[in-house]
Amino acid sequence: MYRPDLIYEVTSVTLGNSFALRPCRESTERIVGVYGRALRIFPAVRLHAFNPLSNHLTDLISSEEPEQIPSFITHVKTNVSK
Protein backbone atom coordinates (compact mmCIF):
# COMPACT_ATOMS: atom_id res chain seq x y z
CA MET A 1 0.00 0.00 0.00
CA TYR A 2 1.38 3.40 -1.04
CA ARG A 3 1.65 6.09 1.63
CA PRO A 4 2.04 9.67 0.36
CA ASP A 5 3.52 10.78 3.69
CA LEU A 6 6.61 8.59 3.13
CA ILE A 7 9.69 9.17 0.99
CA TYR A 8 10.62 6.23 -1.22
CA GLU A 9 14.07 5.25 -2.45
CA VAL A 10 14.24 4.18 -6.09
CA THR A 11 17.46 2.72 -7.51
CA SER A 12 17.97 2.17 -11.24
CA VAL A 13 21.07 0.32 -12.41
CA THR A 14 22.72 0.49 -15.81
CA LEU A 15 22.45 -2.41 -18.24
CA GLY A 16 24.77 -5.16 -17.02
CA ASN A 17 25.71 -2.94 -14.08
CA SER A 18 28.26 -1.35 -16.43
CA PHE A 19 29.92 1.99 -15.70
CA ALA A 20 27.96 3.76 -18.44
CA LEU A 21 27.38 7.13 -16.77
CA ARG A 22 30.49 9.27 -17.07
CA PRO A 23 31.23 11.40 -14.00
CA CYS A 24 31.83 14.70 -15.80
CA ARG A 25 30.26 18.14 -15.87
CA GLU A 26 28.51 17.54 -19.20
CA SER A 27 26.84 14.34 -17.98
CA THR A 28 25.83 15.94 -14.70
CA GLU A 29 24.25 18.92 -16.47
CA ARG A 30 22.35 16.59 -18.80
CA ILE A 31 21.06 14.48 -15.90
CA VAL A 32 19.98 17.57 -13.95
CA GLY A 33 18.13 18.76 -17.07
CA VAL A 34 16.35 15.42 -17.44
CA TYR A 35 15.17 15.57 -13.82
CA GLY A 36 14.04 19.19 -14.26
CA ARG A 37 11.98 18.33 -17.32
CA ALA A 38 10.49 15.27 -15.60
CA LEU A 39 9.42 17.41 -12.64
CA ARG A 40 7.67 19.86 -15.00
CA ILE A 41 5.87 17.00 -16.79
CA PHE A 42 4.89 15.22 -13.55
CA PRO A 43 4.16 18.06 -11.08
CA ALA A 44 2.76 15.82 -8.34
CA VAL A 45 6.13 14.07 -7.92
CA ARG A 46 8.47 15.53 -5.32
CA LEU A 47 12.15 14.80 -5.79
CA HIS A 48 13.81 15.08 -2.39
CA ALA A 49 17.27 14.01 -3.56
CA PHE A 50 19.04 12.16 -6.35
CA ASN A 51 22.50 10.69 -6.71
CA PRO A 52 23.80 9.76 -10.16
CA LEU A 53 26.76 7.40 -10.00
CA SER A 54 28.58 5.76 -12.89
CA ASN A 55 26.56 2.53 -12.72
CA HIS A 56 23.26 3.54 -11.10
CA LEU A 57 20.88 6.34 -10.16
CA THR A 58 19.26 6.66 -6.76
CA ASP A 59 16.20 8.88 -6.19
CA LEU A 60 14.32 9.82 -3.04
CA ILE A 61 10.79 10.64 -4.15
CA SER A 62 7.23 11.03 -2.94
CA SER A 63 3.94 12.04 -4.52
CA GLU A 64 0.36 12.86 -3.65
CA GLU A 65 -0.52 11.08 -6.90
CA PRO A 66 1.31 7.73 -6.84
CA GLU A 67 0.24 6.87 -10.39
CA GLN A 68 2.70 9.53 -11.65
CA ILE A 69 5.75 7.85 -10.08
CA PRO A 70 6.23 5.03 -12.63
CA SER A 71 5.90 7.48 -15.53
CA PHE A 72 8.35 9.86 -13.85
CA ILE A 73 10.91 7.08 -13.36
CA THR A 74 10.43 5.84 -16.93
CA HIS A 75 10.95 9.35 -18.29
CA VAL A 76 14.16 9.82 -16.29
CA LYS A 77 15.60 6.40 -17.18
CA THR A 78 14.73 6.73 -20.86
CA ASN A 79 16.22 10.19 -21.25
CA VAL A 80 19.35 9.64 -19.16
CA SER A 81 20.12 6.57 -21.24
CA LYS A 82 20.08 8.47 -24.56
PDB file of N, CA and C in Angstrom:
ATOM      1  N   MET A   1       0.840  -1.175   0.000  1.00  0.00           N
ATOM      2  CA  MET A   1       0.000   0.000   0.000  1.00  0.00           C
ATOM      3  C   MET A   1       0.892   1.248   0.000  1.00  0.00           C
ATOM      4  N   TYR A   2       0.616   2.164  -0.915  1.00  0.00           N
ATOM      5  CA  TYR A   2       1.384   3.397  -1.037  1.00  0.00           C
ATOM      6  C   TYR A   2       0.953   4.391   0.030  1.00  0.00           C
ATOM      7  N   ARG A   3       1.933   5.050   0.631  1.00  0.00           N
ATOM      8  CA  ARG A   3       1.650   6.088   1.633  1.00  0.00           C
ATOM      9  C   ARG A   3       2.285   7.390   1.171  1.00  0.00           C
ATOM     10  N   PRO A   4       1.489   8.414   0.854  1.00  0.00           N
ATOM     11  CA  PRO A   4       2.036   9.669   0.357  1.00  0.00           C
ATOM     12  C   PRO A   4       2.849  10.442   1.380  1.00  0.00           C
ATOM     13  N   ASP A   5       2.756  10.077   2.654  1.00  0.00           N
ATOM     14  CA  ASP A   5       3.520  10.775   3.690  1.00  0.00           C
ATOM     15  C   ASP A   5       4.939  10.219   3.840  1.00  0.00           C
ATOM     16  N   LEU A   6       5.270   9.179   3.066  1.00  0.00           N
ATOM     17  CA  LEU A   6       6.610   8.586   3.133  1.00  0.00           C
ATOM     18  C   LEU A   6       7.441   8.983   1.918  1.00  0.00           C
ATOM     19  N   ILE A   7       8.748   8.958   2.090  1.00  0.00           N
ATOM     20  CA  ILE A   7       9.690   9.171   0.991  1.00  0.00           C
ATOM     21  C   ILE A   7      10.219   7.803   0.598  1.00  0.00           C
ATOM     22  N   TYR A   8      10.201   7.532  -0.707  1.00  0.00           N
ATOM     23  CA  TYR A   8      10.623   6.235  -1.216  1.00  0.00           C
ATOM     24  C   TYR A   8      11.954   6.339  -1.929  1.00  0.00           C
ATOM     25  N   GLU A   9      12.789   5.332  -1.747  1.00  0.00           N
ATOM     26  CA  GLU A   9      14.069   5.246  -2.446  1.00  0.00           C
ATOM     27  C   GLU A   9      13.894   4.378  -3.683  1.00  0.00           C
ATOM     28  N   VAL A  10      14.320   4.906  -4.826  1.00  0.00           N
ATOM     29  CA  VAL A  10      14.244   4.180  -6.090  1.00  0.00           C
ATOM     30  C   VAL A  10      15.656   4.114  -6.661  1.00  0.00           C
ATOM     31  N   THR A  11      16.137   2.902  -6.927  1.00  0.00           N
ATOM     32  CA  THR A  11      17.461   2.722  -7.512  1.00  0.00           C
ATOM     33  C   THR A  11      17.314   2.091  -8.888  1.00  0.00           C
ATOM     34  N   SER A  12      17.969   2.685  -9.868  1.00  0.00           N
ATOM     35  CA  SER A  12      17.969   2.172 -11.242  1.00  0.00           C
ATOM     36  C   SER A  12      19.413   1.899 -11.635  1.00  0.00           C
ATOM     37  N   VAL A  13      19.694   0.674 -12.029  1.00  0.00           N
ATOM     38  CA  VAL A  13      21.066   0.317 -12.406  1.00  0.00           C
ATOM     39  C   VAL A  13      21.219   0.331 -13.923  1.00  0.00           C
ATOM     40  N   THR A  14      22.441   0.522 -14.382  1.00  0.00           N
ATOM     41  CA  THR A  14      22.722   0.494 -15.815  1.00  0.00           C
ATOM     42  C   THR A  14      22.662  -0.942 -16.318  1.00  0.00           C
ATOM     43  N   LEU A  15      22.504  -1.087 -17.620  1.00  0.00           N
ATOM     44  CA  LEU A  15      22.451  -2.409 -18.237  1.00  0.00           C
ATOM     45  C   LEU A  15      23.734  -3.173 -17.933  1.00  0.00           C
ATOM     46  N   GLY A  16      23.602  -4.343 -17.370  1.00  0.00           N
ATOM     47  CA  GLY A  16      24.767  -5.159 -17.025  1.00  0.00           C
ATOM     48  C   GLY A  16      25.591  -4.582 -15.892  1.00  0.00           C
ATOM     49  N   ASN A  17      25.006  -3.606 -15.180  1.00  0.00           N
ATOM     50  CA  ASN A  17      25.707  -2.941 -14.084  1.00  0.00           C
ATOM     51  C   ASN A  17      27.027  -2.326 -14.559  1.00  0.00           C
ATOM     52  N   SER A  18      27.044  -1.928 -15.848  1.00  0.00           N
ATOM     53  CA  SER A  18      28.264  -1.348 -16.429  1.00  0.00           C
ATOM     54  C   SER A  18      28.428   0.102 -15.968  1.00  0.00           C
ATOM     55  N   PHE A  19      29.625   0.616 -16.094  1.00  0.00           N
ATOM     56  CA  PHE A  19      29.922   1.990 -15.703  1.00  0.00           C
ATOM     57  C   PHE A  19      29.649   2.909 -16.902  1.00  0.00           C
ATOM     58  N   ALA A  20      28.368   3.062 -17.229  1.00  0.00           N
ATOM     59  CA  ALA A  20      27.956   3.764 -18.444  1.00  0.00           C
ATOM     60  C   ALA A  20      27.775   5.270 -18.253  1.00  0.00           C
ATOM     61  N   LEU A  21      27.595   5.713 -17.026  1.00  0.00           N
ATOM     62  CA  LEU A  21      27.375   7.128 -16.769  1.00  0.00           C
ATOM     63  C   LEU A  21      28.709   7.787 -16.404  1.00  0.00           C
ATOM     64  N   ARG A  22      29.188   8.626 -17.306  1.00  0.00           N
ATOM     65  CA  ARG A  22      30.486   9.271 -17.075  1.00  0.00           C
ATOM     66  C   ARG A  22      30.363  10.351 -16.007  1.00  0.00           C
ATOM     67  N   PRO A  23      31.258  10.359 -15.035  1.00  0.00           N
ATOM     68  CA  PRO A  23      31.230  11.395 -13.999  1.00  0.00           C
ATOM     69  C   PRO A  23      31.943  12.671 -14.482  1.00  0.00           C
ATOM     70  N   CYS A  24      31.252  13.454 -15.307  1.00  0.00           N
ATOM     71  CA  CYS A  24      31.825  14.701 -15.803  1.00  0.00           C
ATOM     72  C   CYS A  24      30.756  15.787 -15.772  1.00  0.00           C
ATOM     73  N   ARG A  25      31.176  17.006 -15.941  1.00  0.00           N
ATOM     74  CA  ARG A  25      30.257  18.138 -15.867  1.00  0.00           C
ATOM     75  C   ARG A  25      29.139  18.035 -16.914  1.00  0.00           C
ATOM     76  N   GLU A  26      29.494  17.656 -18.123  1.00  0.00           N
ATOM     77  CA  GLU A  26      28.508  17.540 -19.199  1.00  0.00           C
ATOM     78  C   GLU A  26      27.420  16.528 -18.847  1.00  0.00           C
ATOM     79  N   SER A  27      27.812  15.367 -18.362  1.00  0.00           N
ATOM     80  CA  SER A  27      26.836  14.336 -17.981  1.00  0.00           C
ATOM     81  C   SER A  27      25.962  14.806 -16.828  1.00  0.00           C
ATOM     82  N   THR A  28      26.583  15.450 -15.851  1.00  0.00           N
ATOM     83  CA  THR A  28      25.831  15.945 -14.696  1.00  0.00           C
ATOM     84  C   THR A  28      24.799  16.984 -15.123  1.00  0.00           C
ATOM     85  N   GLU A  29      25.191  17.909 -15.995  1.00  0.00           N
ATOM     86  CA  GLU A  29      24.252  18.923 -16.473  1.00  0.00           C
ATOM     87  C   GLU A  29      23.097  18.290 -17.241  1.00  0.00           C
ATOM     88  N   ARG A  30      23.395  17.283 -18.039  1.00  0.00           N
ATOM     89  CA  ARG A  30      22.348  16.588 -18.795  1.00  0.00           C
ATOM     90  C   ARG A  30      21.374  15.885 -17.849  1.00  0.00           C
ATOM     91  N   ILE A  31      21.908  15.202 -16.856  1.00  0.00           N
ATOM     92  CA  ILE A  31      21.061  14.477 -15.899  1.00  0.00           C
ATOM     93  C   ILE A  31      20.189  15.448 -15.108  1.00  0.00           C
ATOM     94  N   VAL A  32      20.757  16.563 -14.674  1.00  0.00           N
ATOM     95  CA  VAL A  32      19.978  17.574 -13.950  1.00  0.00           C
ATOM     96  C   VAL A  32      18.857  18.105 -14.847  1.00  0.00           C
ATOM     97  N   GLY A  33      19.150  18.313 -16.129  1.00  0.00           N
ATOM     98  CA  GLY A  33      18.131  18.764 -17.069  1.00  0.00           C
ATOM     99  C   GLY A  33      17.016  17.758 -17.256  1.00  0.00           C
ATOM    100  N   VAL A  34      17.367  16.482 -17.304  1.00  0.00           N
ATOM    101  CA  VAL A  34      16.355  15.421 -17.436  1.00  0.00           C
ATOM    102  C   VAL A  34      15.433  15.424 -16.219  1.00  0.00           C
ATOM    103  N   TYR A  35      16.001  15.530 -15.029  1.00  0.00           N
ATOM    104  CA  TYR A  35      15.169  15.573 -13.821  1.00  0.00           C
ATOM    105  C   TYR A  35      14.280  16.818 -13.814  1.00  0.00           C
ATOM    106  N   GLY A  36      14.830  17.960 -14.221  1.00  0.00           N
ATOM    107  CA  GLY A  36      14.043  19.192 -14.256  1.00  0.00           C
ATOM    108  C   GLY A  36      12.847  19.076 -15.183  1.00  0.00           C
ATOM    109  N   ARG A  37      13.082  18.519 -16.371  1.00  0.00           N
ATOM    110  CA  ARG A  37      11.978  18.335 -17.322  1.00  0.00           C
ATOM    111  C   ARG A  37      10.954  17.348 -16.769  1.00  0.00           C
ATOM    112  N   ALA A  38      11.408  16.265 -16.174  1.00  0.00           N
ATOM    113  CA  ALA A  38      10.490  15.271 -15.598  1.00  0.00           C
ATOM    114  C   ALA A  38       9.620  15.898 -14.507  1.00  0.00           C
ATOM    115  N   LEU A  39      10.196  16.766 -13.710  1.00  0.00           N
ATOM    116  CA  LEU A  39       9.420  17.411 -12.645  1.00  0.00           C
ATOM    117  C   LEU A  39       8.380  18.376 -13.210  1.00  0.00           C
ATOM    118  N   ARG A  40       8.665  18.995 -14.351  1.00  0.00           N
ATOM    119  CA  ARG A  40       7.665  19.858 -14.999  1.00  0.00           C
ATOM    120  C   ARG A  40       6.536  19.021 -15.601  1.00  0.00           C
ATOM    121  N   ILE A  41       6.880  17.865 -16.160  1.00  0.00           N
ATOM    122  CA  ILE A  41       5.871  17.003 -16.789  1.00  0.00           C
ATOM    123  C   ILE A  41       4.994  16.314 -15.746  1.00  0.00           C
ATOM    124  N   PHE A  42       5.597  15.941 -14.615  1.00  0.00           N
ATOM    125  CA  PHE A  42       4.885  15.216 -13.551  1.00  0.00           C
ATOM    126  C   PHE A  42       4.907  16.051 -12.268  1.00  0.00           C
ATOM    127  N   PRO A  43       4.079  17.102 -12.188  1.00  0.00           N
ATOM    128  CA  PRO A  43       4.155  18.057 -11.080  1.00  0.00           C
ATOM    129  C   PRO A  43       3.799  17.504  -9.705  1.00  0.00           C
ATOM    130  N   ALA A  44       3.113  16.378  -9.649  1.00  0.00           N
ATOM    131  CA  ALA A  44       2.755  15.816  -8.341  1.00  0.00           C
ATOM    132  C   ALA A  44       3.927  15.086  -7.694  1.00  0.00           C
ATOM    133  N   VAL A  45       4.966  14.776  -8.462  1.00  0.00           N
ATOM    134  CA  VAL A  45       6.132  14.069  -7.922  1.00  0.00           C
ATOM    135  C   VAL A  45       7.052  15.070  -7.242  1.00  0.00           C
ATOM    136  N   ARG A  46       7.487  14.722  -6.054  1.00  0.00           N
ATOM    137  CA  ARG A  46       8.466  15.533  -5.320  1.00  0.00           C
ATOM    138  C   ARG A  46       9.780  14.766  -5.284  1.00  0.00           C
ATOM    139  N   LEU A  47      10.815  15.384  -5.803  1.00  0.00           N
ATOM    140  CA  LEU A  47      12.153  14.797  -5.791  1.00  0.00           C
ATOM    141  C   LEU A  47      12.899  15.399  -4.616  1.00  0.00           C
ATOM    142  N   HIS A  48      13.156  14.597  -3.602  1.00  0.00           N
ATOM    143  CA  HIS A  48      13.815  15.079  -2.394  1.00  0.00           C
ATOM    144  C   HIS A  48      15.333  15.072  -2.543  1.00  0.00           C
ATOM    145  N   ALA A  49      15.832  14.115  -3.307  1.00  0.00           N
ATOM    146  CA  ALA A  49      17.273  14.014  -3.558  1.00  0.00           C
ATOM    147  C   ALA A  49      17.495  13.021  -4.691  1.00  0.00           C
ATOM    148  N   PHE A  50      18.630  13.161  -5.359  1.00  0.00           N
ATOM    149  CA  PHE A  50      19.038  12.158  -6.346  1.00  0.00           C
ATOM    150  C   PHE A  50      20.550  12.083  -6.338  1.00  0.00           C
ATOM    151  N   ASN A  51      21.056  10.916  -6.712  1.00  0.00           N
ATOM    152  CA  ASN A  51      22.496  10.691  -6.715  1.00  0.00           C
ATOM    153  C   ASN A  51      22.862   9.858  -7.942  1.00  0.00           C
ATOM    154  N   PRO A  52      23.375  10.520  -8.984  1.00  0.00           N
ATOM    155  CA  PRO A  52      23.796   9.758 -10.158  1.00  0.00           C
ATOM    156  C   PRO A  52      25.233   9.272  -9.986  1.00  0.00           C
ATOM    157  N   LEU A  53      25.416   7.984 -10.047  1.00  0.00           N
ATOM    158  CA  LEU A  53      26.758   7.402 -10.002  1.00  0.00           C
ATOM    159  C   LEU A  53      27.026   6.740 -11.347  1.00  0.00           C
ATOM    160  N   SER A  54      28.223   6.259 -11.562  1.00  0.00           N
ATOM    161  CA  SER A  54      28.578   5.762 -12.888  1.00  0.00           C
ATOM    162  C   SER A  54      27.826   4.499 -13.302  1.00  0.00           C
ATOM    163  N   ASN A  55      27.298   3.741 -12.339  1.00  0.00           N
ATOM    164  CA  ASN A  55      26.564   2.527 -12.721  1.00  0.00           C
ATOM    165  C   ASN A  55      25.132   2.468 -12.187  1.00  0.00           C
ATOM    166  N   HIS A  56      24.666   3.522 -11.537  1.00  0.00           N
ATOM    167  CA  HIS A  56      23.262   3.542 -11.104  1.00  0.00           C
ATOM    168  C   HIS A  56      22.821   4.949 -10.694  1.00  0.00           C
ATOM    169  N   LEU A  57      21.499   5.112 -10.643  1.00  0.00           N
ATOM    170  CA  LEU A  57      20.879   6.344 -10.165  1.00  0.00           C
ATOM    171  C   LEU A  57      20.058   5.998  -8.930  1.00  0.00           C
ATOM    172  N   THR A  58      20.096   6.846  -7.935  1.00  0.00           N
ATOM    173  CA  THR A  58      19.260   6.663  -6.756  1.00  0.00           C
ATOM    174  C   THR A  58      18.433   7.928  -6.568  1.00  0.00           C
ATOM    175  N   ASP A  59      17.126   7.764  -6.395  1.00  0.00           N
ATOM    176  CA  ASP A  59      16.199   8.877  -6.192  1.00  0.00           C
ATOM    177  C   ASP A  59      15.480   8.700  -4.861  1.00  0.00           C
ATOM    178  N   LEU A  60      15.212   9.803  -4.199  1.00  0.00           N
ATOM    179  CA  LEU A  60      14.318   9.825  -3.045  1.00  0.00           C
ATOM    180  C   LEU A  60      13.113  10.640  -3.483  1.00  0.00           C
ATOM    181  N   ILE A  61      11.963   9.976  -3.603  1.00  0.00           N
ATOM    182  CA  ILE A  61      10.786  10.637  -4.150  1.00  0.00           C
ATOM    183  C   ILE A  61       9.541  10.350  -3.330  1.00  0.00           C
ATOM    184  N   SER A  62       8.555  11.230  -3.512  1.00  0.00           N
ATOM    185  CA  SER A  62       7.231  11.026  -2.939  1.00  0.00           C
ATOM    186  C   SER A  62       6.239  11.691  -3.882  1.00  0.00           C
ATOM    187  N   SER A  63       4.951  11.443  -3.660  1.00  0.00           N
ATOM    188  CA  SER A  63       3.935  12.044  -4.519  1.00  0.00           C
ATOM    189  C   SER A  63       2.566  11.904  -3.876  1.00  0.00           C
ATOM    190  N   GLU A  64       1.759  12.940  -4.050  1.00  0.00           N
ATOM    191  CA  GLU A  64       0.359  12.858  -3.647  1.00  0.00           C
ATOM    192  C   GLU A  64      -0.442  12.035  -4.651  1.00  0.00           C
ATOM    193  N   GLU A  65       0.118  11.866  -5.859  1.00  0.00           N
ATOM    194  CA  GLU A  65      -0.525  11.076  -6.903  1.00  0.00           C
ATOM    195  C   GLU A  65       0.420   9.945  -7.303  1.00  0.00           C
ATOM    196  N   PRO A  66       0.339   8.812  -6.622  1.00  0.00           N
ATOM    197  CA  PRO A  66       1.307   7.732  -6.845  1.00  0.00           C
ATOM    198  C   PRO A  66       1.324   7.183  -8.269  1.00  0.00           C
ATOM    199  N   GLU A  67       0.252   7.376  -9.018  1.00  0.00           N
ATOM    200  CA  GLU A  67       0.241   6.870 -10.393  1.00  0.00           C
ATOM    201  C   GLU A  67       1.228   7.626 -11.286  1.00  0.00           C
ATOM    202  N   GLN A  68       1.710   8.788 -10.861  1.00  0.00           N
ATOM    203  CA  GLN A  68       2.700   9.531 -11.648  1.00  0.00           C
ATOM    204  C   GLN A  68       4.118   9.008 -11.456  1.00  0.00           C
ATOM    205  N   ILE A  69       4.380   8.292 -10.382  1.00  0.00           N
ATOM    206  CA  ILE A  69       5.750   7.854 -10.081  1.00  0.00           C
ATOM    207  C   ILE A  69       6.319   6.928 -11.152  1.00  0.00           C
ATOM    208  N   PRO A  70       5.637   5.879 -11.587  1.00  0.00           N
ATOM    209  CA  PRO A  70       6.227   5.025 -12.629  1.00  0.00           C
ATOM    210  C   PRO A  70       6.540   5.786 -13.921  1.00  0.00           C
ATOM    211  N   SER A  71       5.660   6.694 -14.315  1.00  0.00           N
ATOM    212  CA  SER A  71       5.904   7.483 -15.525  1.00  0.00           C
ATOM    213  C   SER A  71       7.086   8.424 -15.341  1.00  0.00           C
ATOM    214  N   PHE A  72       7.211   8.995 -14.167  1.00  0.00           N
ATOM    215  CA  PHE A  72       8.349   9.863 -13.851  1.00  0.00           C
ATOM    216  C   PHE A  72       9.651   9.076 -13.968  1.00  0.00           C
ATOM    217  N   ILE A  73       9.698   7.916 -13.341  1.00  0.00           N
ATOM    218  CA  ILE A  73      10.905   7.082 -13.359  1.00  0.00           C
ATOM    219  C   ILE A  73      11.235   6.647 -14.785  1.00  0.00           C
ATOM    220  N   THR A  74      10.224   6.243 -15.540  1.00  0.00           N
ATOM    221  CA  THR A  74      10.431   5.841 -16.925  1.00  0.00           C
ATOM    222  C   THR A  74      10.988   6.999 -17.743  1.00  0.00           C
ATOM    223  N   HIS A  75      10.445   8.186 -17.559  1.00  0.00           N
ATOM    224  CA  HIS A  75      10.949   9.350 -18.287  1.00  0.00           C
ATOM    225  C   HIS A  75      12.420   9.604 -17.968  1.00  0.00           C
ATOM    226  N   VAL A  76      12.780   9.574 -16.686  1.00  0.00           N
ATOM    227  CA  VAL A  76      14.159   9.820 -16.290  1.00  0.00           C
ATOM    228  C   VAL A  76      15.078   8.750 -16.875  1.00  0.00           C
ATOM    229  N   LYS A  77      14.734   7.492 -16.694  1.00  0.00           N
ATOM    230  CA  LYS A  77      15.602   6.404 -17.175  1.00  0.00           C
ATOM    231  C   LYS A  77      15.778   6.445 -18.692  1.00  0.00           C
ATOM    232  N   THR A  78      14.674   6.689 -19.403  1.00  0.00           N
ATOM    233  CA  THR A  78      14.726   6.726 -20.864  1.00  0.00           C
ATOM    234  C   THR A  78      15.625   7.855 -21.357  1.00  0.00           C
ATOM    235  N   ASN A  79      15.486   9.037 -20.759  1.00  0.00           N
ATOM    236  CA  ASN A  79      16.222  10.191 -21.252  1.00  0.00           C
ATOM    237  C   ASN A  79      17.653  10.271 -20.750  1.00  0.00           C
ATOM    238  N   VAL A  80      17.954   9.708 -19.604  1.00  0.00           N
ATOM    239  CA  VAL A  80      19.346   9.638 -19.158  1.00  0.00           C
ATOM    240  C   VAL A  80      20.119   8.648 -20.014  1.00  0.00           C
ATOM    241  N   SER A  81      19.435   7.613 -20.470  1.00  0.00           N
ATOM    242  CA  SER A  81      20.122   6.566 -21.239  1.00  0.00           C
ATOM    243  C   SER A  81      20.421   6.966 -22.678  1.00  0.00           C
ATOM    244  N   LYS A  82      19.857   8.047 -23.161  1.00  0.00           N
ATOM    245  CA  LYS A  82      20.079   8.467 -24.556  1.00  0.00           C
ATOM    246  C   LYS A  82      21.457   9.074 -24.745  1.00  0.00           C
TER     247      LYS A  82
END
